[in-house]
Amino acid sequence: MPRTADHEQRRRQIADAVSQLISRSGLDAVTVARTAATAGMSVGLVQHYFRNKDEMLLHAFREISARIRVRVEARIRDGVEHRLPIARVMAEVMTECIPLDEARRTEYRVARAFAGRALDAPALAEVDTETARKMREDIARAVHNGKECGEVDERLDPLPAAVRLVAVMEGLALQVYREPAGAAVARLVAPLLDAEIATVFTGECRQYAGQVAHP
């Protein structure tokens, strides 16, 4: 019997094949047969894991969302480990969601295709909503933690601040994606994010005050 790891690997291969098809030719290009060919599998093997196109799409959308989530959580863990200011960690977290390189451009294109399909597909809409909610909660939690350590004014409400920062992040992501790779707008991302984050994280963390941050 194949090991569980083998099953998971095949499911990831199928998700990757779906993403490749969407990135090259759009969501309508995805079929079970094309997915099988792209993944280097038989149609029968793909259908062993997914009965139809909708199941494949749902799994691929979850896989894309999970990969972004893994990167975000890694940034947060790294920030905690190296005792970085919360504002700096937030800048790195938000940058993960902006298509500043080819891999993230492909990922963003696929995610946008799924989000469009989600308008008429409740299962996809649930993934889209949950992904957005987790990011908003991450930022709201960071603002709350900033209030406790002194980086954020204690009177600031975390939820409106998080909604605003997410809106800026999503707007920048869309503008970067619409431009050719390496266009001038991409070079504005870091200073614009830093400026917006600085309106929320206006102080210095008492816990880390005076320490030299790791590069």
N, C-alpha and C. Protein backbone atom coordinates (compact mmCIF):
# COMPACT_ATOMS: atom_id res chain seq x y z
N MET A 1 0.84 -1.20 0.00
CA MET A 1 0.00 0.00 0.00
C MET A 1 0.88 1.25 0.00
N PRO A 2 0.52 2.26 -0.83
CA PRO A 2 1.30 3.50 -0.83
C PRO A 2 1.24 4.17 0.54
N ARG A 3 2.32 4.79 0.94
CA ARG A 3 2.34 5.49 2.21
C ARG A 3 1.50 6.75 2.13
N THR A 4 1.08 7.26 3.31
CA THR A 4 0.31 8.51 3.37
C THR A 4 1.08 9.63 2.70
N ALA A 5 2.41 9.65 2.90
CA ALA A 5 3.24 10.69 2.28
C ALA A 5 3.14 10.65 0.76
N ASP A 6 3.03 9.44 0.20
CA ASP A 6 2.88 9.32 -1.25
C ASP A 6 1.56 9.94 -1.72
N HIS A 7 0.50 9.69 -0.97
CA HIS A 7 -0.81 10.26 -1.32
C HIS A 7 -0.74 11.79 -1.27
N GLU A 8 -0.13 12.31 -0.22
CA GLU A 8 -0.04 13.76 -0.09
C GLU A 8 0.80 14.37 -1.21
N GLN A 9 1.88 13.67 -1.58
CA GLN A 9 2.72 14.15 -2.66
C GLN A 9 1.95 14.20 -3.97
N ARG A 10 1.15 13.18 -4.24
CA ARG A 10 0.36 13.17 -5.47
C ARG A 10 -0.69 14.27 -5.47
N ARG A 11 -1.29 14.49 -4.33
CA ARG A 11 -2.28 15.57 -4.23
C ARG A 11 -1.62 16.93 -4.47
N ARG A 12 -0.39 17.09 -3.95
CA ARG A 12 0.34 18.33 -4.20
C ARG A 12 0.70 18.46 -5.68
N GLN A 13 1.10 17.34 -6.32
CA GLN A 13 1.41 17.37 -7.75
C GLN A 13 0.20 17.82 -8.56
N ILE A 14 -0.94 17.31 -8.20
CA ILE A 14 -2.17 17.68 -8.91
C ILE A 14 -2.48 19.15 -8.70
N ALA A 15 -2.34 19.62 -7.46
CA ALA A 15 -2.58 21.04 -7.18
C ALA A 15 -1.61 21.92 -7.97
N ASP A 16 -0.34 21.50 -8.06
CA ASP A 16 0.66 22.25 -8.83
C ASP A 16 0.27 22.28 -10.31
N ALA A 17 -0.21 21.16 -10.82
CA ALA A 17 -0.61 21.09 -12.23
C ALA A 17 -1.78 22.02 -12.50
N VAL A 18 -2.76 22.04 -11.60
CA VAL A 18 -3.89 22.96 -11.74
C VAL A 18 -3.40 24.40 -11.76
N SER A 19 -2.51 24.74 -10.85
CA SER A 19 -1.97 26.11 -10.79
C SER A 19 -1.21 26.47 -12.06
N GLN A 20 -0.44 25.53 -12.59
CA GLN A 20 0.30 25.79 -13.83
C GLN A 20 -0.66 26.07 -14.99
N LEU A 21 -1.71 25.29 -15.09
CA LEU A 21 -2.69 25.48 -16.16
C LEU A 21 -3.37 26.84 -16.03
N ILE A 22 -3.76 27.20 -14.81
CA ILE A 22 -4.40 28.50 -14.60
C ILE A 22 -3.45 29.63 -14.93
N SER A 23 -2.21 29.51 -14.50
CA SER A 23 -1.22 30.56 -14.73
C SER A 23 -0.96 30.77 -16.22
N ARG A 24 -0.91 29.66 -16.99
CA ARG A 24 -0.62 29.76 -18.42
C ARG A 24 -1.83 30.16 -19.25
N SER A 25 -2.99 29.58 -18.93
CA SER A 25 -4.13 29.71 -19.86
C SER A 25 -5.45 30.08 -19.21
N GLY A 26 -5.45 30.29 -17.91
CA GLY A 26 -6.69 30.68 -17.25
C GLY A 26 -7.44 29.49 -16.67
N LEU A 27 -8.41 29.81 -15.86
CA LEU A 27 -9.11 28.77 -15.11
C LEU A 27 -9.91 27.83 -16.01
N ASP A 28 -10.43 28.35 -17.11
CA ASP A 28 -11.23 27.51 -17.99
C ASP A 28 -10.40 26.42 -18.67
N ALA A 29 -9.08 26.57 -18.65
CA ALA A 29 -8.21 25.57 -19.28
C ALA A 29 -8.09 24.30 -18.44
N VAL A 30 -8.52 24.38 -17.19
CA VAL A 30 -8.36 23.23 -16.29
C VAL A 30 -9.41 22.17 -16.60
N THR A 31 -8.95 21.00 -16.95
CA THR A 31 -9.80 19.81 -17.08
C THR A 31 -9.07 18.67 -16.39
N VAL A 32 -9.78 17.60 -16.13
CA VAL A 32 -9.14 16.44 -15.52
C VAL A 32 -8.05 15.90 -16.45
N ALA A 33 -8.34 15.83 -17.75
CA ALA A 33 -7.36 15.28 -18.69
C ALA A 33 -6.11 16.16 -18.79
N ARG A 34 -6.29 17.47 -18.89
CA ARG A 34 -5.13 18.37 -18.97
C ARG A 34 -4.34 18.37 -17.67
N THR A 35 -5.05 18.31 -16.57
CA THR A 35 -4.36 18.26 -15.28
C THR A 35 -3.52 17.00 -15.17
N ALA A 36 -4.08 15.88 -15.60
CA ALA A 36 -3.35 14.61 -15.56
C ALA A 36 -2.09 14.69 -16.42
N ALA A 37 -2.23 15.24 -17.63
CA ALA A 37 -1.08 15.35 -18.52
C ALA A 37 0.00 16.26 -17.94
N THR A 38 -0.42 17.37 -17.35
CA THR A 38 0.54 18.32 -16.77
C THR A 38 1.23 17.72 -15.56
N ALA A 39 0.50 16.92 -14.79
CA ALA A 39 1.07 16.30 -13.60
C ALA A 39 1.87 15.04 -13.91
N GLY A 40 1.79 14.56 -15.16
CA GLY A 40 2.47 13.33 -15.51
C GLY A 40 1.81 12.10 -14.93
N MET A 41 0.50 12.14 -14.85
CA MET A 41 -0.27 11.03 -14.30
C MET A 41 -1.33 10.59 -15.30
N SER A 42 -1.93 9.45 -15.00
CA SER A 42 -3.06 9.00 -15.80
C SER A 42 -4.32 9.69 -15.32
N VAL A 43 -5.30 9.79 -16.21
CA VAL A 43 -6.59 10.37 -15.83
C VAL A 43 -7.19 9.58 -14.68
N GLY A 44 -7.06 8.26 -14.75
CA GLY A 44 -7.62 7.41 -13.70
C GLY A 44 -7.02 7.71 -12.34
N LEU A 45 -5.70 7.98 -12.30
CA LEU A 45 -5.06 8.27 -11.02
C LEU A 45 -5.55 9.60 -10.46
N VAL A 46 -5.68 10.61 -11.33
CA VAL A 46 -6.21 11.90 -10.87
C VAL A 46 -7.61 11.72 -10.32
N GLN A 47 -8.44 10.95 -11.01
CA GLN A 47 -9.81 10.74 -10.57
C GLN A 47 -9.89 9.89 -9.30
N HIS A 48 -8.82 9.17 -9.00
CA HIS A 48 -8.78 8.43 -7.74
C HIS A 48 -8.78 9.40 -6.56
N TYR A 49 -8.15 10.57 -6.76
CA TYR A 49 -8.06 11.56 -5.70
C TYR A 49 -9.16 12.61 -5.78
N PHE A 50 -9.57 12.96 -6.98
CA PHE A 50 -10.58 14.01 -7.17
C PHE A 50 -11.60 13.55 -8.21
N ARG A 51 -12.85 13.56 -7.84
CA ARG A 51 -13.88 13.03 -8.73
C ARG A 51 -14.16 13.94 -9.92
N ASN A 52 -13.91 15.25 -9.76
CA ASN A 52 -14.25 16.19 -10.83
C ASN A 52 -13.39 17.45 -10.73
N LYS A 53 -13.62 18.34 -11.66
CA LYS A 53 -12.85 19.57 -11.73
C LYS A 53 -13.04 20.43 -10.48
N ASP A 54 -14.28 20.53 -10.00
CA ASP A 54 -14.55 21.38 -8.84
C ASP A 54 -13.75 20.93 -7.61
N GLU A 55 -13.64 19.62 -7.41
CA GLU A 55 -12.85 19.12 -6.29
C GLU A 55 -11.38 19.46 -6.46
N MET A 56 -10.88 19.36 -7.67
CA MET A 56 -9.48 19.71 -7.93
C MET A 56 -9.23 21.19 -7.66
N LEU A 57 -10.15 22.04 -8.12
CA LEU A 57 -10.00 23.47 -7.92
C LEU A 57 -10.00 23.83 -6.44
N LEU A 58 -10.91 23.21 -5.70
CA LEU A 58 -10.99 23.50 -4.27
C LEU A 58 -9.69 23.10 -3.58
N HIS A 59 -9.17 21.93 -3.91
CA HIS A 59 -7.91 21.49 -3.29
C HIS A 59 -6.76 22.41 -3.67
N ALA A 60 -6.69 22.80 -4.94
CA ALA A 60 -5.59 23.67 -5.39
C ALA A 60 -5.66 25.03 -4.71
N PHE A 61 -6.87 25.57 -4.52
CA PHE A 61 -7.02 26.86 -3.85
C PHE A 61 -6.59 26.74 -2.39
N ARG A 62 -6.96 25.66 -1.75
CA ARG A 62 -6.52 25.44 -0.37
C ARG A 62 -5.00 25.33 -0.29
N GLU A 63 -4.41 24.68 -1.28
CA GLU A 63 -2.96 24.49 -1.29
C GLU A 63 -2.24 25.84 -1.46
N ILE A 64 -2.72 26.66 -2.37
CA ILE A 64 -2.13 27.99 -2.57
C ILE A 64 -2.23 28.81 -1.29
N SER A 65 -3.42 28.80 -0.68
CA SER A 65 -3.64 29.56 0.55
C SER A 65 -2.75 29.05 1.68
N ALA A 66 -2.58 27.73 1.75
CA ALA A 66 -1.75 27.14 2.80
C ALA A 66 -0.29 27.53 2.63
N ARG A 67 0.18 27.59 1.39
CA ARG A 67 1.58 27.94 1.15
C ARG A 67 1.86 29.39 1.59
N ILE A 68 0.93 30.28 1.28
CA ILE A 68 1.09 31.66 1.73
C ILE A 68 1.10 31.70 3.25
N ARG A 69 0.20 30.93 3.85
CA ARG A 69 0.09 30.88 5.31
C ARG A 69 1.39 30.39 5.94
N VAL A 70 2.00 29.39 5.35
CA VAL A 70 3.26 28.86 5.87
C VAL A 70 4.34 29.94 5.87
N ARG A 71 4.41 30.71 4.78
CA ARG A 71 5.42 31.77 4.69
C ARG A 71 5.16 32.86 5.73
N VAL A 72 3.90 33.22 5.88
CA VAL A 72 3.55 34.25 6.86
C VAL A 72 3.92 33.80 8.27
N GLU A 73 3.57 32.58 8.62
CA GLU A 73 3.89 32.07 9.95
C GLU A 73 5.39 31.96 10.18
N ALA A 74 6.13 31.65 9.12
CA ALA A 74 7.59 31.59 9.23
C ALA A 74 8.17 32.97 9.53
N ARG A 75 7.61 33.99 8.87
CA ARG A 75 8.06 35.36 9.13
C ARG A 75 7.80 35.76 10.58
N ILE A 76 6.63 35.37 11.08
CA ILE A 76 6.28 35.72 12.45
C ILE A 76 7.20 34.99 13.44
N ARG A 77 7.42 33.70 13.20
CA ARG A 77 8.31 32.95 14.09
C ARG A 77 9.73 33.53 14.08
N ASP A 78 10.20 33.90 12.89
CA ASP A 78 11.54 34.46 12.77
C ASP A 78 11.63 35.79 13.54
N GLY A 79 10.57 36.57 13.45
CA GLY A 79 10.56 37.85 14.17
C GLY A 79 10.62 37.66 15.67
N VAL A 80 9.86 36.67 16.16
CA VAL A 80 9.88 36.38 17.60
C VAL A 80 11.26 35.87 18.02
N GLU A 81 11.81 34.95 17.21
CA GLU A 81 13.11 34.35 17.54
C GLU A 81 14.21 35.40 17.60
N HIS A 82 14.18 36.34 16.66
CA HIS A 82 15.24 37.35 16.61
C HIS A 82 14.86 38.65 17.32
N ARG A 83 13.71 38.61 18.01
CA ARG A 83 13.28 39.76 18.82
C ARG A 83 13.23 41.04 18.01
N LEU A 84 12.60 40.93 16.84
CA LEU A 84 12.49 42.09 15.96
C LEU A 84 11.29 42.96 16.37
N PRO A 85 11.34 44.25 16.09
CA PRO A 85 10.17 45.09 16.33
C PRO A 85 8.96 44.56 15.57
N ILE A 86 7.79 44.66 16.17
CA ILE A 86 6.58 44.13 15.53
C ILE A 86 6.33 44.83 14.19
N ALA A 87 6.60 46.11 14.12
CA ALA A 87 6.39 46.85 12.87
C ALA A 87 7.21 46.25 11.73
N ARG A 88 8.43 45.87 12.02
CA ARG A 88 9.28 45.28 10.98
C ARG A 88 8.75 43.91 10.55
N VAL A 89 8.30 43.13 11.52
CA VAL A 89 7.73 41.82 11.19
C VAL A 89 6.49 41.98 10.32
N MET A 90 5.65 42.95 10.65
CA MET A 90 4.44 43.18 9.86
C MET A 90 4.78 43.57 8.42
N ALA A 91 5.81 44.36 8.24
CA ALA A 91 6.22 44.74 6.89
C ALA A 91 6.63 43.50 6.09
N GLU A 92 7.35 42.59 6.74
CA GLU A 92 7.79 41.37 6.05
C GLU A 92 6.61 40.45 5.77
N VAL A 93 5.69 40.35 6.71
CA VAL A 93 4.49 39.52 6.52
C VAL A 93 3.66 40.04 5.35
N MET A 94 3.42 41.33 5.31
CA MET A 94 2.59 41.91 4.26
C MET A 94 3.26 41.81 2.90
N THR A 95 4.58 41.91 2.87
CA THR A 95 5.31 41.80 1.60
C THR A 95 5.17 40.41 1.00
N GLU A 96 5.00 39.38 1.84
CA GLU A 96 4.82 38.02 1.33
C GLU A 96 3.59 37.90 0.44
N CYS A 97 2.64 38.79 0.62
CA CYS A 97 1.38 38.71 -0.13
C CYS A 97 1.36 39.63 -1.35
N ILE A 98 2.49 40.23 -1.66
CA ILE A 98 2.58 41.16 -2.79
C ILE A 98 3.45 40.53 -3.87
N PRO A 99 3.00 40.50 -5.13
CA PRO A 99 3.71 39.77 -6.20
C PRO A 99 4.96 40.49 -6.71
N LEU A 100 6.01 40.46 -5.89
CA LEU A 100 7.23 41.19 -6.22
C LEU A 100 8.26 40.35 -6.96
N ASP A 101 7.99 39.07 -7.15
CA ASP A 101 8.87 38.24 -7.96
C ASP A 101 8.00 37.30 -8.79
N GLU A 102 8.63 36.53 -9.67
CA GLU A 102 7.87 35.71 -10.62
C GLU A 102 7.02 34.66 -9.91
N ALA A 103 7.58 34.06 -8.86
CA ALA A 103 6.83 33.03 -8.14
C ALA A 103 5.57 33.61 -7.51
N ARG A 104 5.71 34.78 -6.89
CA ARG A 104 4.54 35.39 -6.26
C ARG A 104 3.57 35.97 -7.28
N ARG A 105 4.07 36.39 -8.45
CA ARG A 105 3.17 36.84 -9.51
C ARG A 105 2.29 35.69 -9.99
N THR A 106 2.92 34.53 -10.18
CA THR A 106 2.16 33.36 -10.60
C THR A 106 1.13 32.98 -9.54
N GLU A 107 1.58 32.97 -8.31
CA GLU A 107 0.70 32.64 -7.19
C GLU A 107 -0.47 33.62 -7.10
N TYR A 108 -0.17 34.90 -7.30
CA TYR A 108 -1.22 35.92 -7.21
C TYR A 108 -2.23 35.77 -8.35
N ARG A 109 -1.73 35.49 -9.54
CA ARG A 109 -2.63 35.29 -10.68
C ARG A 109 -3.58 34.13 -10.42
N VAL A 110 -3.05 33.05 -9.90
CA VAL A 110 -3.87 31.88 -9.61
C VAL A 110 -4.89 32.21 -8.52
N ALA A 111 -4.44 32.87 -7.46
CA ALA A 111 -5.34 33.23 -6.37
C ALA A 111 -6.46 34.15 -6.84
N ARG A 112 -6.13 35.09 -7.72
CA ARG A 112 -7.18 35.99 -8.26
C ARG A 112 -8.18 35.22 -9.11
N ALA A 113 -7.70 34.26 -9.86
CA ALA A 113 -8.61 33.44 -10.67
C ALA A 113 -9.58 32.68 -9.76
N PHE A 114 -9.04 32.12 -8.69
CA PHE A 114 -9.89 31.41 -7.74
C PHE A 114 -10.88 32.34 -7.06
N ALA A 115 -10.40 33.54 -6.69
CA ALA A 115 -11.29 34.49 -6.01
C ALA A 115 -12.44 34.89 -6.93
N GLY A 116 -12.16 35.04 -8.23
CA GLY A 116 -13.24 35.35 -9.17
C GLY A 116 -14.24 34.22 -9.26
N ARG A 117 -13.76 33.00 -9.32
CA ARG A 117 -14.63 31.84 -9.36
C ARG A 117 -15.44 31.70 -8.07
N ALA A 118 -14.87 32.17 -6.97
CA ALA A 118 -15.52 32.05 -5.66
C ALA A 118 -16.82 32.84 -5.59
N LEU A 119 -16.99 33.82 -6.47
CA LEU A 119 -18.23 34.60 -6.47
C LEU A 119 -19.44 33.70 -6.68
N ASP A 120 -19.26 32.59 -7.39
CA ASP A 120 -20.37 31.68 -7.69
C ASP A 120 -20.13 30.27 -7.16
N ALA A 121 -19.12 30.11 -6.29
CA ALA A 121 -18.80 28.78 -5.77
C ALA A 121 -18.62 28.89 -4.26
N PRO A 122 -19.61 28.54 -3.47
CA PRO A 122 -19.55 28.71 -2.02
C PRO A 122 -18.33 28.06 -1.36
N ALA A 123 -17.93 26.89 -1.82
CA ALA A 123 -16.78 26.21 -1.20
C ALA A 123 -15.50 27.02 -1.41
N LEU A 124 -15.31 27.57 -2.62
CA LEU A 124 -14.15 28.41 -2.88
C LEU A 124 -14.25 29.71 -2.10
N ALA A 125 -15.45 30.26 -2.01
CA ALA A 125 -15.66 31.50 -1.26
C ALA A 125 -15.28 31.33 0.21
N GLU A 126 -15.54 30.15 0.74
CA GLU A 126 -15.20 29.89 2.14
C GLU A 126 -13.69 29.92 2.34
N VAL A 127 -12.94 29.33 1.39
CA VAL A 127 -11.48 29.37 1.48
C VAL A 127 -10.98 30.80 1.36
N ASP A 128 -11.53 31.55 0.42
CA ASP A 128 -11.14 32.94 0.20
C ASP A 128 -11.39 33.78 1.45
N THR A 129 -12.56 33.61 2.03
CA THR A 129 -12.93 34.37 3.22
C THR A 129 -12.05 34.01 4.41
N GLU A 130 -11.79 32.72 4.59
CA GLU A 130 -10.98 32.27 5.72
C GLU A 130 -9.54 32.75 5.59
N THR A 131 -9.00 32.74 4.38
CA THR A 131 -7.64 33.22 4.16
C THR A 131 -7.52 34.70 4.51
N ALA A 132 -8.49 35.48 4.05
CA ALA A 132 -8.48 36.92 4.35
C ALA A 132 -8.67 37.17 5.84
N ARG A 133 -9.54 36.39 6.46
CA ARG A 133 -9.80 36.58 7.89
C ARG A 133 -8.55 36.31 8.72
N LYS A 134 -7.81 35.26 8.38
CA LYS A 134 -6.60 34.93 9.14
C LYS A 134 -5.56 36.04 9.03
N MET A 135 -5.41 36.61 7.83
CA MET A 135 -4.45 37.70 7.67
C MET A 135 -4.88 38.91 8.50
N ARG A 136 -6.16 39.23 8.46
CA ARG A 136 -6.66 40.36 9.24
C ARG A 136 -6.45 40.12 10.73
N GLU A 137 -6.69 38.89 11.18
CA GLU A 137 -6.50 38.56 12.59
C GLU A 137 -5.03 38.62 12.98
N ASP A 138 -4.14 38.18 12.08
CA ASP A 138 -2.71 38.27 12.36
C ASP A 138 -2.30 39.72 12.62
N ILE A 139 -2.77 40.61 11.75
CA ILE A 139 -2.38 42.01 11.87
C ILE A 139 -3.02 42.65 13.09
N ALA A 140 -4.30 42.33 13.35
CA ALA A 140 -4.96 42.86 14.54
C ALA A 140 -4.25 42.39 15.81
N ARG A 141 -3.81 41.12 15.82
CA ARG A 141 -3.08 40.60 16.97
C ARG A 141 -1.75 41.32 17.14
N ALA A 142 -1.10 41.61 16.01
CA ALA A 142 0.17 42.35 16.07
C ALA A 142 -0.04 43.74 16.64
N VAL A 143 -1.13 44.38 16.23
CA VAL A 143 -1.44 45.72 16.77
C VAL A 143 -1.70 45.62 18.27
N HIS A 144 -2.48 44.62 18.67
CA HIS A 144 -2.75 44.42 20.10
C HIS A 144 -1.45 44.20 20.87
N ASN A 145 -0.57 43.35 20.35
CA ASN A 145 0.71 43.11 21.01
C ASN A 145 1.55 44.38 21.05
N GLY A 146 1.45 45.16 19.99
CA GLY A 146 2.16 46.43 19.96
C GLY A 146 1.69 47.38 21.05
N LYS A 147 0.40 47.35 21.34
CA LYS A 147 -0.14 48.18 22.42
C LYS A 147 0.45 47.75 23.77
N GLU A 148 0.60 46.45 23.96
CA GLU A 148 1.11 45.93 25.22
C GLU A 148 2.58 46.26 25.44
N CYS A 149 3.36 46.32 24.33
CA CYS A 149 4.80 46.53 24.50
C CYS A 149 5.23 47.98 24.28
N GLY A 150 4.30 48.80 23.78
CA GLY A 150 4.64 50.21 23.62
C GLY A 150 4.85 50.68 22.20
N GLU A 151 4.77 49.78 21.23
CA GLU A 151 4.93 50.20 19.83
C GLU A 151 3.68 50.90 19.29
N VAL A 152 2.54 50.64 19.92
CA VAL A 152 1.27 51.18 19.44
C VAL A 152 0.60 51.94 20.59
N ASP A 153 -0.02 53.06 20.25
CA ASP A 153 -0.77 53.85 21.24
C ASP A 153 -1.85 52.96 21.86
N GLU A 154 -1.91 52.95 23.18
CA GLU A 154 -2.84 52.06 23.89
C GLU A 154 -4.31 52.38 23.61
N ARG A 155 -4.60 53.55 23.06
CA ARG A 155 -5.99 53.91 22.75
C ARG A 155 -6.44 53.41 21.38
N LEU A 156 -5.54 52.88 20.58
CA LEU A 156 -5.87 52.48 19.21
C LEU A 156 -6.64 51.17 19.20
N ASP A 157 -7.72 51.13 18.41
CA ASP A 157 -8.51 49.92 18.24
C ASP A 157 -7.83 49.03 17.19
N PRO A 158 -7.45 47.79 17.53
CA PRO A 158 -6.72 46.94 16.59
C PRO A 158 -7.48 46.59 15.32
N LEU A 159 -8.80 46.37 15.39
CA LEU A 159 -9.52 45.91 14.21
C LEU A 159 -9.55 46.94 13.09
N PRO A 160 -9.95 48.20 13.33
CA PRO A 160 -9.89 49.18 12.22
C PRO A 160 -8.49 49.36 11.67
N ALA A 161 -7.49 49.32 12.55
CA ALA A 161 -6.11 49.46 12.09
C ALA A 161 -5.74 48.30 11.18
N ALA A 162 -6.15 47.08 11.55
CA ALA A 162 -5.85 45.90 10.74
C ALA A 162 -6.57 45.96 9.40
N VAL A 163 -7.83 46.38 9.41
CA VAL A 163 -8.59 46.48 8.16
C VAL A 163 -7.91 47.46 7.21
N ARG A 164 -7.45 48.57 7.75
CA ARG A 164 -6.78 49.58 6.91
C ARG A 164 -5.47 49.05 6.34
N LEU A 165 -4.67 48.38 7.17
CA LEU A 165 -3.40 47.85 6.69
C LEU A 165 -3.61 46.76 5.64
N VAL A 166 -4.61 45.92 5.84
CA VAL A 166 -4.90 44.89 4.84
C VAL A 166 -5.34 45.53 3.53
N ALA A 167 -6.16 46.58 3.62
CA ALA A 167 -6.62 47.27 2.41
C ALA A 167 -5.44 47.85 1.64
N VAL A 168 -4.48 48.43 2.35
CA VAL A 168 -3.28 48.97 1.70
C VAL A 168 -2.49 47.84 1.04
N MET A 169 -2.30 46.76 1.77
CA MET A 169 -1.55 45.62 1.24
C MET A 169 -2.21 45.07 -0.02
N GLU A 170 -3.53 44.86 0.03
CA GLU A 170 -4.22 44.29 -1.12
C GLU A 170 -4.21 45.27 -2.31
N GLY A 171 -4.33 46.55 -2.02
CA GLY A 171 -4.27 47.53 -3.10
C GLY A 171 -2.91 47.58 -3.77
N LEU A 172 -1.86 47.53 -2.97
CA LEU A 172 -0.50 47.50 -3.52
C LEU A 172 -0.28 46.23 -4.34
N ALA A 173 -0.76 45.10 -3.83
CA ALA A 173 -0.60 43.83 -4.55
C ALA A 173 -1.23 43.91 -5.93
N LEU A 174 -2.42 44.47 -6.01
CA LEU A 174 -3.11 44.57 -7.29
C LEU A 174 -2.36 45.50 -8.24
N GLN A 175 -1.90 46.64 -7.73
CA GLN A 175 -1.19 47.59 -8.59
C GLN A 175 0.13 47.01 -9.10
N VAL A 176 0.84 46.29 -8.23
CA VAL A 176 2.10 45.66 -8.66
C VAL A 176 1.83 44.61 -9.72
N TYR A 177 0.78 43.81 -9.52
CA TYR A 177 0.47 42.75 -10.47
C TYR A 177 0.11 43.31 -11.85
N ARG A 178 -0.56 44.43 -11.88
CA ARG A 178 -1.00 45.00 -13.17
C ARG A 178 0.16 45.55 -13.99
N GLU A 179 1.27 45.81 -13.34
CA GLU A 179 2.42 46.38 -14.03
C GLU A 179 3.39 45.28 -14.46
N PRO A 180 4.21 45.54 -15.47
CA PRO A 180 5.24 44.55 -15.85
C PRO A 180 6.20 44.30 -14.70
N ALA A 181 6.75 43.11 -14.66
CA ALA A 181 7.72 42.78 -13.61
C ALA A 181 8.86 43.78 -13.61
N GLY A 182 9.21 44.26 -12.42
CA GLY A 182 10.31 45.22 -12.30
C GLY A 182 9.92 46.66 -12.56
N ALA A 183 8.63 46.94 -12.77
CA ALA A 183 8.19 48.31 -13.03
C ALA A 183 8.39 49.18 -11.80
N ALA A 184 8.34 50.49 -12.03
CA ALA A 184 8.64 51.44 -10.95
C ALA A 184 7.73 51.29 -9.75
N VAL A 185 6.47 50.90 -9.98
CA VAL A 185 5.54 50.79 -8.86
C VAL A 185 6.01 49.77 -7.84
N ALA A 186 6.70 48.72 -8.26
CA ALA A 186 7.20 47.71 -7.31
C ALA A 186 8.21 48.32 -6.35
N ARG A 187 8.97 49.30 -6.83
CA ARG A 187 9.98 49.92 -5.97
C ARG A 187 9.35 50.82 -4.92
N LEU A 188 8.09 51.13 -5.08
CA LEU A 188 7.39 51.97 -4.10
C LEU A 188 6.79 51.17 -2.96
N VAL A 189 6.73 49.85 -3.12
CA VAL A 189 6.04 49.02 -2.14
C VAL A 189 6.63 49.18 -0.74
N ALA A 190 7.94 48.98 -0.61
CA ALA A 190 8.57 49.04 0.72
C ALA A 190 8.36 50.38 1.41
N PRO A 191 8.66 51.52 0.72
CA PRO A 191 8.45 52.79 1.42
C PRO A 191 6.99 53.08 1.74
N LEU A 192 6.07 52.67 0.86
CA LEU A 192 4.66 52.91 1.13
C LEU A 192 4.16 52.06 2.29
N LEU A 193 4.58 50.79 2.32
CA LEU A 193 4.20 49.94 3.44
C LEU A 193 4.78 50.47 4.75
N ASP A 194 6.05 50.84 4.71
CA ASP A 194 6.68 51.36 5.92
C ASP A 194 5.97 52.61 6.43
N ALA A 195 5.59 53.49 5.50
CA ALA A 195 4.92 54.73 5.89
C ALA A 195 3.56 54.44 6.51
N GLU A 196 2.82 53.49 5.93
CA GLU A 196 1.50 53.17 6.45
C GLU A 196 1.60 52.46 7.80
N ILE A 197 2.53 51.53 7.92
CA ILE A 197 2.72 50.82 9.19
C ILE A 197 3.15 51.80 10.28
N ALA A 198 3.94 52.80 9.90
CA ALA A 198 4.43 53.78 10.88
C ALA A 198 3.32 54.63 11.46
N THR A 199 2.17 54.72 10.76
CA THR A 199 1.04 55.47 11.33
C THR A 199 0.35 54.69 12.44
N VAL A 200 0.60 53.39 12.49
CA VAL A 200 0.01 52.54 13.53
C VAL A 200 1.03 52.24 14.62
N PHE A 201 2.23 51.82 14.21
CA PHE A 201 3.29 51.49 15.15
C PHE A 201 4.16 52.73 15.35
N THR A 202 3.73 53.57 16.27
CA THR A 202 4.34 54.89 16.42
C THR A 202 5.39 54.96 17.52
N GLY A 203 5.51 53.88 18.31
CA GLY A 203 6.45 53.90 19.44
C GLY A 203 7.52 52.84 19.32
N GLU A 204 8.24 52.64 20.41
CA GLU A 204 9.29 51.63 20.47
C GLU A 204 8.94 50.62 21.55
N CYS A 205 9.13 49.36 21.24
CA CYS A 205 8.80 48.30 22.19
C CYS A 205 9.68 48.42 23.44
N ARG A 206 9.04 48.47 24.60
CA ARG A 206 9.81 48.59 25.85
C ARG A 206 10.70 47.38 26.08
N GLN A 207 10.24 46.20 25.63
CA GLN A 207 10.99 44.97 25.86
C GLN A 207 12.31 44.97 25.10
N TYR A 208 12.28 45.58 23.85
CA TYR A 208 13.46 45.54 23.00
C TYR A 208 14.20 46.87 22.95
N ALA A 209 13.79 47.82 23.72
CA ALA A 209 14.38 49.16 23.65
C ALA A 209 15.90 49.09 23.83
N GLY A 210 16.59 49.73 22.91
CA GLY A 210 18.04 49.83 23.01
C GLY A 210 18.82 48.66 22.46
N GLN A 211 18.11 47.58 22.08
CA GLN A 211 18.85 46.44 21.56
C GLN A 211 19.08 46.61 20.05
N VAL A 212 20.13 45.98 19.55
CA VAL A 212 20.43 46.00 18.13
C VAL A 212 19.76 44.81 17.48
N ALA A 213 18.88 45.08 16.48
CA ALA A 213 18.16 43.99 15.82
C ALA A 213 19.08 43.21 14.90
N HIS A 214 18.82 41.91 14.76
CA HIS A 214 19.57 41.10 13.80
C HIS A 214 19.22 41.53 12.40
N PRO A 215 20.14 41.48 11.44
CA PRO A 215 19.83 41.85 10.07
C PRO A 215 18.92 40.80 9.45
